[in-house]
Amino acid sequence: MTRTTTEAAPGFRGAGWALAALGVATLAVVAFTTPWRVLSAAPAVVPDPARDFTADQIARSEAFDAAVSVPAYLSLGLALVVAGALVSTPLGARLLGRLKGPWWLRALLGVLVLSVAVEILRWPLGMWSETHLRAYGLSTQDWLSWTADRVKNIGIRTTLLAIMVLAVVALARRYRRWWIPAAVGAFTLTVAVSFAYPVLIEPVFNDFTPMPAGQLRDDLLAMAARDGVSVEDVLVADASRRTTALNAYVSGFGATRRIVVYDTLLRAPVDEVELVVAHELGHAKTGDVLYGTIVGGLGAAFGACLLYLVISAGAVRRRTGVASPADPRAVGLIMGLLSLATILSGPAQNLVSRQIEARADAHALDLTGEPAVFVSMQRRLSVTNISDLSPDVIEYVLYASHPTAPQRIAMARSWALLNGMREP
C-alpha cells in the first residue's frame, strides 16, 4: 500500500545508525587503502613550471584554462541552481504533478522531462567549450559527431539515473524501511556498472582493437609479465576521431580488466609509451579499480541512507510539497539530492584520486627505472593536452583528479635522488 502521509518515517533511528556505520566503513577503507605518502624519506623537489616549460607554453596553458573555465563554472553553477531549486522549492512537484499515467510511468517521465530540460540549458555551454577545444587544436570532431557523442552520453546517464530514481520510488511504495534494500541495491548497482563498463559502455564511444603485433606489443606484455600483472592484451582506442590528446587508462576488474591506450599516444616515442603503460600497470597491480568500486559502492549505500533521512525530514517535505518518496512527484527532489551529492563528493574523490595516481607514477618509475623518460613524457603529455600547469585552489579542489605535471615531474626527480640517480 502506498504511503503518502507526512508522519515521521519508521526506522529513522536505524537509518541513522546505518549511515554512521557506512560512513565509518567508507572512511576506514579510504584511510587504509589510500597511499597518503608515496615516497618515503625522499628529498623534497619543489614543483616549478618554469623549469620544464617555456614561457609560451605556460602562457598557452593559462589562456586555454581561462577560456574553458568560464563554460565549466557556468555549467557547475547551473547544476547547483537547478538542484537547489528541486530540493528547496515545490517547483519539481508542481511540474511533475502535471504528468498522467501509472506511478512508474510518471516517475520515468519525470526523470526524462527534468533531464532534457537541464541538458537543453547546458547545451550552449557544451558548444561553447567545444569551440575552444577546436580553436586550440584538441578536438577533431565535426558538429554531427560531437552531437552524437553528447546525445549518447546523456542517454546513458539518464538511463542509469532513471534506474536509481525508479528503484527508490518503487521501494518506498513497497517497504516502510526502504533505505535497507536501497542501500543494498545502490552498492550492487555500483559494482555491476564498474564491472560491465568496459564491455557495455566504452564501446559505445570508441572502437577497440588489440595492439598490432610487433616489438612494442611484445615489450609491453613482457613488462606486464615482469610486473606480475595478468594482461591478456593491450587495446588501442580510436580516440583520434575526436581528439588529439594523449592518454591511456585501465578499467574494469576481474574478467573485464583492460589496459587501453589512445591511438594518438602511439605517435610518441616508444620508451614514453612504455612508461605510460607502466603507470597503468601500477593501477592494475594494486587493484585500484576494484578498491575504487568498493569505496564507490559503500558511498552509494551511504547516500541511500542519507537520502532516506533527508527526505524524511519534515522541513524538506514542507518546502518541496512532497509528502513521501513513494509519490512520483518526489522524482525532482530525489534527482536534486543525487545531483548535490555528486557535486559535493567530488573534491573528496579528487583528493584520493591524486594520491592513487601518484602511487601509479612511483610504480612506473620503479618498474622502468627511467626518471628522465618520465619527465620527458610528462612534458609531452602536458604540452599536447594543454594541461593546467598551475591551477588555482578552487580548480585544483573541484577538478584535479591527477597531480599537476610540475608536481609529477618533481616527484620523479625526488625518486631519482632517493635512488641515487642524477636529478633529471
Protein backbone atom coordinates (compact mmCIF):
# COMPACT_ATOMS: atom_id res chain seq x y z
CA MET A 1 0.00 0.00 0.00
CA THR A 2 1.35 3.45 -0.94
CA ARG A 3 2.32 5.69 1.96
CA THR A 4 1.84 9.39 1.36
CA THR A 5 1.34 10.72 4.87
CA THR A 6 3.69 13.16 6.49
CA GLU A 7 4.14 11.18 9.66
CA ALA A 8 7.67 10.58 10.92
CA ALA A 9 9.31 7.85 8.86
CA PRO A 10 9.68 4.49 10.64
CA GLY A 11 13.20 3.26 11.16
CA PHE A 12 14.62 6.79 11.25
CA ARG A 13 17.00 5.87 14.05
CA GLY A 14 18.02 2.65 12.31
CA ALA A 15 18.83 4.55 9.14
CA GLY A 16 20.89 6.98 11.20
CA TRP A 17 22.92 4.16 12.72
CA ALA A 18 23.40 2.58 9.30
CA LEU A 19 24.51 5.94 7.93
CA ALA A 20 27.10 6.27 10.69
CA ALA A 21 28.34 2.71 10.21
CA LEU A 22 28.66 3.09 6.45
CA GLY A 23 30.39 6.43 6.91
CA VAL A 24 32.94 4.90 9.26
CA ALA A 25 33.44 1.91 6.94
CA THR A 26 33.97 4.16 3.92
CA LEU A 27 36.42 6.39 5.76
CA ALA A 28 38.28 3.34 7.09
CA VAL A 29 38.67 1.80 3.64
CA VAL A 30 39.81 5.12 2.20
CA ALA A 31 42.19 5.81 5.09
CA PHE A 32 43.87 2.41 4.96
CA THR A 33 43.98 1.88 1.19
CA THR A 34 44.92 5.38 0.02
CA PRO A 35 48.69 5.91 -0.35
CA TRP A 36 48.94 9.17 1.55
CA ARG A 37 52.74 9.12 1.27
CA VAL A 38 54.10 7.75 -2.00
CA LEU A 39 57.84 8.21 -1.49
CA SER A 40 59.46 7.68 1.90
CA ALA A 41 62.30 9.90 3.04
CA ALA A 42 62.66 11.38 -0.45
CA PRO A 43 64.35 14.76 -0.93
CA ALA A 44 61.68 17.38 -1.47
CA VAL A 45 61.91 18.81 -5.00
CA VAL A 46 59.73 21.88 -5.41
CA PRO A 47 57.35 21.83 -8.42
CA ASP A 48 58.29 24.63 -10.82
CA PRO A 49 56.54 25.00 -14.19
CA ALA A 50 59.20 27.45 -15.40
CA ARG A 51 61.88 24.77 -15.05
CA ASP A 52 60.33 22.45 -17.63
CA PHE A 53 58.06 24.57 -19.79
CA THR A 54 58.76 27.61 -21.91
CA ALA A 55 57.10 30.95 -21.29
CA ASP A 56 54.98 30.44 -24.43
CA GLN A 57 53.83 27.00 -23.25
CA ILE A 58 52.88 28.36 -19.83
CA ALA A 59 51.04 31.30 -21.40
CA ARG A 60 49.17 28.97 -23.75
CA SER A 61 48.16 26.76 -20.83
CA GLU A 62 46.89 29.74 -18.87
CA ALA A 63 44.97 31.14 -21.86
CA PHE A 64 43.34 27.78 -22.58
CA ASP A 65 42.40 27.31 -18.93
CA ALA A 66 40.88 30.78 -18.79
CA ALA A 67 38.84 30.04 -21.92
CA VAL A 68 37.39 26.68 -20.87
CA SER A 69 36.90 27.61 -17.22
CA VAL A 70 34.07 30.03 -17.98
CA PRO A 71 31.65 27.48 -19.50
CA ALA A 72 32.76 24.89 -16.94
CA TYR A 73 31.95 27.14 -13.99
CA LEU A 74 28.69 28.23 -15.58
CA SER A 75 27.70 24.59 -16.06
CA LEU A 76 28.54 23.86 -12.43
CA GLY A 77 26.57 26.91 -11.29
CA LEU A 78 23.60 25.85 -13.38
CA ALA A 79 23.67 22.36 -11.85
CA LEU A 80 23.75 23.84 -8.35
CA VAL A 81 20.88 26.25 -9.06
CA VAL A 82 18.66 23.54 -10.56
CA ALA A 83 19.45 21.07 -7.77
CA GLY A 84 18.88 23.75 -5.15
CA ALA A 85 15.51 24.62 -6.64
CA LEU A 86 14.45 20.96 -6.71
CA VAL A 87 15.33 20.33 -3.05
CA SER A 88 14.15 23.61 -1.53
CA THR A 89 11.06 24.62 -3.51
CA PRO A 90 7.87 22.92 -4.75
CA LEU A 91 8.93 23.57 -8.37
CA GLY A 92 9.67 19.92 -9.15
CA ALA A 93 6.48 18.62 -7.54
CA ARG A 94 4.35 21.17 -9.41
CA LEU A 95 5.92 20.38 -12.77
CA LEU A 96 5.73 16.61 -12.34
CA GLY A 97 2.25 16.81 -10.89
CA ARG A 98 1.01 17.55 -14.43
CA LEU A 99 2.11 14.12 -15.68
CA LYS A 100 -0.50 11.42 -16.14
CA GLY A 101 -0.44 7.65 -16.06
CA PRO A 102 0.58 4.88 -13.65
CA TRP A 103 3.11 5.79 -10.97
CA TRP A 104 6.06 4.09 -12.67
CA LEU A 105 5.39 5.87 -15.95
CA ARG A 106 5.13 9.23 -14.20
CA ALA A 107 8.41 8.54 -12.41
CA LEU A 108 10.21 7.67 -15.63
CA LEU A 109 8.69 10.62 -17.47
CA GLY A 110 9.71 12.86 -14.58
CA VAL A 111 13.37 11.81 -14.92
CA LEU A 112 13.20 12.28 -18.68
CA VAL A 113 11.50 15.68 -18.57
CA LEU A 114 13.84 17.15 -15.95
CA SER A 115 16.96 15.66 -17.58
CA VAL A 116 16.03 17.00 -21.01
CA ALA A 117 15.26 20.43 -19.56
CA VAL A 118 18.65 20.62 -17.82
CA GLU A 119 20.52 19.36 -20.88
CA ILE A 120 18.82 21.95 -23.09
CA LEU A 121 20.11 24.65 -20.73
CA ARG A 122 23.59 23.11 -20.69
CA TRP A 123 23.80 22.51 -24.44
CA PRO A 124 25.04 26.03 -25.40
CA LEU A 125 27.72 25.78 -22.71
CA GLY A 126 28.89 22.47 -24.18
CA MET A 127 29.08 24.05 -27.64
CA TRP A 128 30.97 27.00 -26.19
CA SER A 129 33.53 24.66 -24.63
CA GLU A 130 33.81 22.65 -27.85
CA THR A 131 34.65 25.79 -29.86
CA HIS A 132 37.59 26.42 -27.53
CA LEU A 133 38.79 22.81 -27.89
CA ARG A 134 38.73 23.23 -31.66
CA ALA A 135 40.42 26.62 -31.54
CA TYR A 136 43.32 25.10 -29.60
CA GLY A 137 43.50 22.01 -31.80
CA LEU A 138 42.36 19.50 -29.19
CA SER A 139 39.09 18.47 -30.86
CA THR A 140 38.95 16.72 -34.23
CA GLN A 141 35.16 16.33 -34.29
CA ASP A 142 32.59 17.98 -36.52
CA TRP A 143 29.29 19.10 -35.03
CA LEU A 144 27.48 15.94 -36.15
CA SER A 145 29.86 13.55 -34.38
CA TRP A 146 30.07 15.85 -31.34
CA THR A 147 26.27 15.89 -31.11
CA ALA A 148 26.08 12.10 -31.48
CA ASP A 149 28.60 11.55 -28.68
CA ARG A 150 26.88 14.04 -26.42
CA VAL A 151 23.45 12.51 -27.00
CA LYS A 152 24.83 9.03 -26.28
CA ASN A 153 26.44 10.30 -23.08
CA ILE A 154 23.21 11.96 -21.98
CA GLY A 155 21.24 8.83 -22.82
CA ILE A 156 23.47 6.57 -20.74
CA ARG A 157 23.50 8.92 -17.76
CA THR A 158 19.73 9.42 -17.92
CA THR A 159 19.14 5.66 -18.13
CA LEU A 160 21.26 4.99 -15.04
CA LEU A 161 19.59 7.87 -13.22
CA ALA A 162 16.14 6.57 -14.17
CA ILE A 163 17.02 3.13 -12.79
CA MET A 164 18.10 4.63 -9.46
CA VAL A 165 15.14 7.00 -9.12
CA LEU A 166 12.57 4.42 -10.16
CA ALA A 167 14.07 1.96 -7.66
CA VAL A 168 13.77 4.49 -4.82
CA VAL A 169 10.14 5.27 -5.61
CA ALA A 170 9.28 1.58 -6.04
CA LEU A 171 10.98 0.57 -2.78
CA ALA A 172 9.35 3.44 -0.91
CA ARG A 173 5.95 2.23 -2.13
CA ARG A 174 6.67 -1.34 -1.05
CA TYR A 175 8.68 -1.06 2.18
CA ARG A 176 8.42 1.19 5.21
CA ARG A 177 12.17 0.93 5.83
CA TRP A 178 13.07 1.27 2.17
CA TRP A 179 16.58 2.50 2.94
CA ILE A 180 17.69 -1.09 3.62
CA PRO A 181 17.04 -2.54 0.12
CA ALA A 182 18.00 0.82 -1.39
CA ALA A 183 21.44 0.71 0.24
CA VAL A 184 21.99 -2.89 -0.86
CA GLY A 185 20.80 -2.07 -4.37
CA ALA A 186 23.00 1.04 -4.62
CA PHE A 187 26.08 -0.95 -3.65
CA THR A 188 25.21 -3.75 -6.09
CA LEU A 189 24.50 -1.38 -8.97
CA THR A 190 27.82 0.42 -8.46
CA VAL A 191 29.77 -2.85 -8.59
CA ALA A 192 27.81 -4.12 -11.59
CA VAL A 193 28.29 -0.93 -13.60
CA SER A 194 32.03 -0.81 -12.82
CA PHE A 195 32.41 -4.44 -13.91
CA ALA A 196 30.34 -4.08 -17.07
CA TYR A 197 31.52 -0.61 -18.09
CA PRO A 198 34.43 -1.77 -20.30
CA VAL A 199 32.32 -4.15 -22.37
CA LEU A 200 28.97 -2.32 -22.44
CA ILE A 201 29.62 1.43 -22.19
CA GLU A 202 33.10 2.09 -23.58
CA PRO A 203 32.37 0.50 -26.99
CA VAL A 204 29.52 2.98 -27.44
CA PHE A 205 32.08 5.78 -27.81
CA ASN A 206 35.17 4.08 -29.22
CA ASP A 207 36.28 1.10 -31.25
CA PHE A 208 38.90 -1.05 -29.54
CA THR A 209 41.39 -3.25 -31.33
CA PRO A 210 44.31 -5.33 -30.00
CA MET A 211 47.61 -3.51 -30.31
CA PRO A 212 49.20 -4.65 -33.59
CA ALA A 213 51.78 -7.42 -33.35
CA GLY A 214 55.28 -6.05 -33.15
CA GLN A 215 58.10 -5.09 -30.85
CA LEU A 216 56.06 -2.56 -28.84
CA ARG A 217 53.29 -5.05 -28.10
CA ASP A 218 55.81 -7.74 -27.16
CA ASP A 219 57.68 -5.33 -24.89
CA LEU A 220 54.50 -4.19 -23.15
CA LEU A 221 53.29 -7.73 -22.50
CA ALA A 222 56.77 -8.70 -21.29
CA MET A 223 56.80 -5.71 -18.94
CA ALA A 224 53.39 -6.74 -17.57
CA ALA A 225 54.66 -10.29 -17.01
CA ARG A 226 57.75 -8.94 -15.26
CA ASP A 227 55.48 -6.83 -13.10
CA GLY A 228 53.36 -9.84 -12.17
CA VAL A 229 50.20 -8.35 -13.72
CA SER A 230 47.98 -10.66 -15.75
CA VAL A 231 47.19 -8.91 -19.03
CA GLU A 232 45.70 -10.87 -21.91
CA ASP A 233 46.13 -7.98 -24.30
CA VAL A 234 46.64 -4.23 -24.63
CA LEU A 235 43.88 -2.49 -26.56
CA VAL A 236 44.08 0.61 -28.74
CA ALA A 237 41.16 3.05 -28.81
CA ASP A 238 40.41 5.12 -31.91
CA ALA A 239 40.49 8.33 -29.87
CA SER A 240 41.90 10.32 -32.79
CA ARG A 241 38.42 10.54 -34.28
CA ARG A 242 37.52 13.04 -31.58
CA THR A 243 40.73 14.42 -30.04
CA THR A 244 44.46 14.97 -30.42
CA ALA A 245 45.03 14.44 -26.69
CA LEU A 246 47.28 11.65 -25.44
CA ASN A 247 46.02 9.25 -22.80
CA ALA A 248 45.81 5.69 -21.51
CA TYR A 249 43.74 4.10 -18.77
CA VAL A 250 42.78 0.90 -17.01
CA SER A 251 39.16 0.00 -16.40
CA GLY A 252 37.12 -2.92 -15.14
CA PHE A 253 38.36 -5.68 -12.89
CA GLY A 254 38.49 -9.44 -12.96
CA ALA A 255 37.40 -10.78 -16.34
CA THR A 256 36.72 -7.28 -17.73
CA ARG A 257 40.01 -5.62 -16.73
CA ARG A 258 41.73 -3.99 -19.67
CA ILE A 259 44.56 -1.60 -20.36
CA VAL A 260 43.72 0.84 -23.13
CA VAL A 261 45.96 3.32 -24.92
CA TYR A 262 44.78 6.06 -27.25
CA ASP A 263 45.92 5.64 -30.83
CA THR A 264 47.27 9.20 -30.56
CA LEU A 265 49.68 8.03 -27.88
CA LEU A 266 51.32 5.61 -30.30
CA ARG A 267 52.85 8.59 -32.09
CA ALA A 268 55.03 9.30 -29.03
CA PRO A 269 58.49 7.73 -28.61
CA VAL A 270 58.38 4.05 -27.69
CA ASP A 271 60.04 4.49 -24.30
CA GLU A 272 57.43 7.09 -23.31
CA VAL A 273 54.58 4.82 -24.40
CA GLU A 274 56.07 2.04 -22.27
CA LEU A 275 56.24 4.36 -19.28
CA VAL A 276 52.61 5.39 -19.68
CA VAL A 277 51.60 1.72 -19.79
CA ALA A 278 53.80 1.05 -16.76
CA HIS A 279 51.73 3.67 -14.93
CA GLU A 280 48.54 1.82 -15.91
CA LEU A 281 50.07 -1.47 -14.78
CA GLY A 282 50.51 0.19 -11.40
CA HIS A 283 46.76 0.70 -11.20
CA ALA A 284 46.14 -2.92 -12.19
CA LYS A 285 48.73 -4.33 -9.77
CA THR A 286 47.29 -2.52 -6.75
CA GLY A 287 43.67 -3.19 -7.76
CA ASP A 288 42.79 0.50 -7.88
CA VAL A 289 39.63 -0.04 -9.93
CA LEU A 290 38.38 -2.73 -7.55
CA TYR A 291 39.13 -0.66 -4.44
CA GLY A 292 37.58 2.38 -6.07
CA THR A 293 34.49 0.34 -6.86
CA ILE A 294 34.21 -0.86 -3.27
CA VAL A 295 34.56 2.69 -1.96
CA GLY A 296 32.05 3.89 -4.54
CA GLY A 297 29.63 1.14 -3.54
CA LEU A 298 29.93 2.00 0.15
CA GLY A 299 29.46 5.65 -0.72
CA ALA A 300 26.36 4.81 -2.75
CA ALA A 301 24.90 2.81 0.15
CA PHE A 302 25.74 5.73 2.47
CA GLY A 303 23.94 8.01 0.05
CA ALA A 304 20.83 5.81 0.08
CA CYS A 305 20.61 6.07 3.86
CA LEU A 306 21.24 9.81 3.75
CA LEU A 307 18.57 10.18 1.10
CA TYR A 308 16.08 8.43 3.37
CA LEU A 309 16.92 10.68 6.30
CA VAL A 310 16.79 13.90 4.28
CA ILE A 311 13.50 13.07 2.57
CA SER A 312 12.04 12.03 5.93
CA ALA A 313 12.78 15.46 7.39
CA GLY A 314 9.61 17.47 7.83
CA ALA A 315 11.21 20.72 6.67
CA VAL A 316 12.23 19.23 3.31
CA ARG A 317 8.78 17.76 2.72
CA ARG A 318 7.10 21.06 3.57
CA ARG A 319 9.36 23.10 1.28
CA THR A 320 9.03 20.76 -1.69
CA GLY A 321 5.39 19.84 -1.25
CA VAL A 322 6.28 16.14 -1.37
CA ALA A 323 4.73 14.03 1.37
CA SER A 324 6.63 10.83 0.61
CA PRO A 325 9.22 9.40 -1.81
CA ALA A 326 6.50 6.92 -2.77
CA ASP A 327 4.84 9.80 -4.63
CA PRO A 328 6.12 10.09 -8.24
CA ARG A 329 6.20 13.85 -7.73
CA ALA A 330 9.21 13.22 -5.47
CA VAL A 331 11.34 12.45 -8.55
CA GLY A 332 12.54 16.05 -8.74
CA LEU A 333 13.54 16.06 -5.07
CA ILE A 334 15.41 12.76 -5.46
CA MET A 335 17.22 13.98 -8.59
CA GLY A 336 18.18 17.23 -6.90
CA LEU A 337 19.62 15.42 -3.89
CA LEU A 338 21.56 12.99 -6.11
CA SER A 339 22.98 15.90 -8.10
CA LEU A 340 24.08 17.75 -4.96
CA ALA A 341 25.65 14.58 -3.55
CA THR A 342 27.65 14.09 -6.76
CA ILE A 343 28.93 17.66 -6.75
CA LEU A 344 29.75 17.80 -3.05
CA SER A 345 31.57 14.45 -3.05
CA GLY A 346 33.76 15.46 -5.99
CA PRO A 347 36.54 17.20 -4.02
CA ALA A 348 36.99 14.19 -1.71
CA GLN A 349 37.12 11.83 -4.70
CA ASN A 350 39.73 14.05 -6.37
CA LEU A 351 41.84 14.13 -3.21
CA VAL A 352 42.00 10.33 -3.08
CA SER A 353 42.46 10.04 -6.84
CA ARG A 354 45.50 12.33 -6.82
CA GLN A 355 47.23 10.12 -4.27
CA ILE A 356 46.42 6.96 -6.21
CA GLU A 357 47.73 8.49 -9.42
CA ALA A 358 50.93 9.50 -7.64
CA ARG A 359 51.38 5.90 -6.47
CA ALA A 360 50.95 4.68 -10.04
CA ASP A 361 53.63 7.18 -11.12
CA ALA A 362 56.00 5.80 -8.50
CA HIS A 363 55.20 2.28 -9.66
CA ALA A 364 56.06 3.23 -13.25
CA LEU A 365 59.40 4.62 -12.08
CA ASP A 366 60.14 1.51 -10.00
CA LEU A 367 59.28 -0.72 -12.96
CA THR A 368 61.20 1.15 -15.66
CA GLY A 369 63.91 2.96 -13.67
CA GLU A 370 63.71 5.83 -16.17
CA PRO A 371 63.05 9.15 -14.41
CA ALA A 372 64.40 11.15 -17.35
CA VAL A 373 61.95 9.46 -19.72
CA PHE A 374 59.19 10.09 -17.17
CA VAL A 375 59.98 13.82 -17.18
CA SER A 376 60.05 13.88 -20.98
CA MET A 377 56.76 12.00 -21.12
CA GLN A 378 55.07 14.41 -18.71
CA ARG A 379 56.24 17.36 -20.75
CA ARG A 380 54.85 15.82 -23.92
CA LEU A 381 51.51 14.96 -22.31
CA SER A 382 51.14 18.41 -20.79
CA VAL A 383 52.01 20.35 -23.93
CA THR A 384 49.88 18.17 -26.22
CA ASN A 385 46.89 18.08 -23.86
CA ILE A 386 47.37 21.74 -22.84
CA SER A 387 47.22 20.77 -19.18
CA ASP A 388 46.77 23.39 -16.49
CA LEU A 389 50.29 23.70 -15.08
CA SER A 390 49.37 25.79 -12.03
CA PRO A 391 45.63 25.65 -11.27
CA ASP A 392 44.23 27.90 -8.59
CA VAL A 393 42.99 26.35 -5.37
CA ILE A 394 39.34 26.18 -6.44
CA GLU A 395 40.10 24.48 -9.75
CA TYR A 396 42.52 22.09 -8.08
CA VAL A 397 39.95 21.05 -5.48
CA LEU A 398 37.00 20.81 -7.87
CA TYR A 399 38.54 19.30 -10.98
CA ALA A 400 42.07 17.93 -10.46
CA SER A 401 41.88 14.14 -10.34
CA HIS A 402 45.64 13.93 -11.05
CA PRO A 403 48.61 15.81 -9.63
CA THR A 404 49.71 18.65 -11.89
CA ALA A 405 52.50 17.98 -14.38
CA PRO A 406 55.02 20.03 -12.35
CA GLN A 407 54.08 18.01 -9.25
CA ARG A 408 54.54 14.72 -11.11
CA ILE A 409 57.86 15.83 -12.54
CA ALA A 410 59.04 16.96 -9.10
CA MET A 411 58.10 13.55 -7.71
CA ALA A 412 60.13 11.83 -10.44
CA ARG A 413 63.15 13.95 -9.55
CA SER A 414 62.67 13.10 -5.88
CA TRP A 415 62.52 9.42 -6.85
CA ALA A 416 65.77 9.74 -8.79
CA LEU A 417 67.59 11.35 -5.85
CA LEU A 418 66.13 8.76 -3.46
CA ASN A 419 67.55 6.00 -5.67
CA GLY A 420 70.98 7.54 -6.01
CA MET A 421 70.48 8.79 -9.56
CA ARG A 422 71.21 12.16 -11.07
CA GLU A 423 68.24 14.51 -10.94
CA PRO A 424 66.82 14.67 -14.48
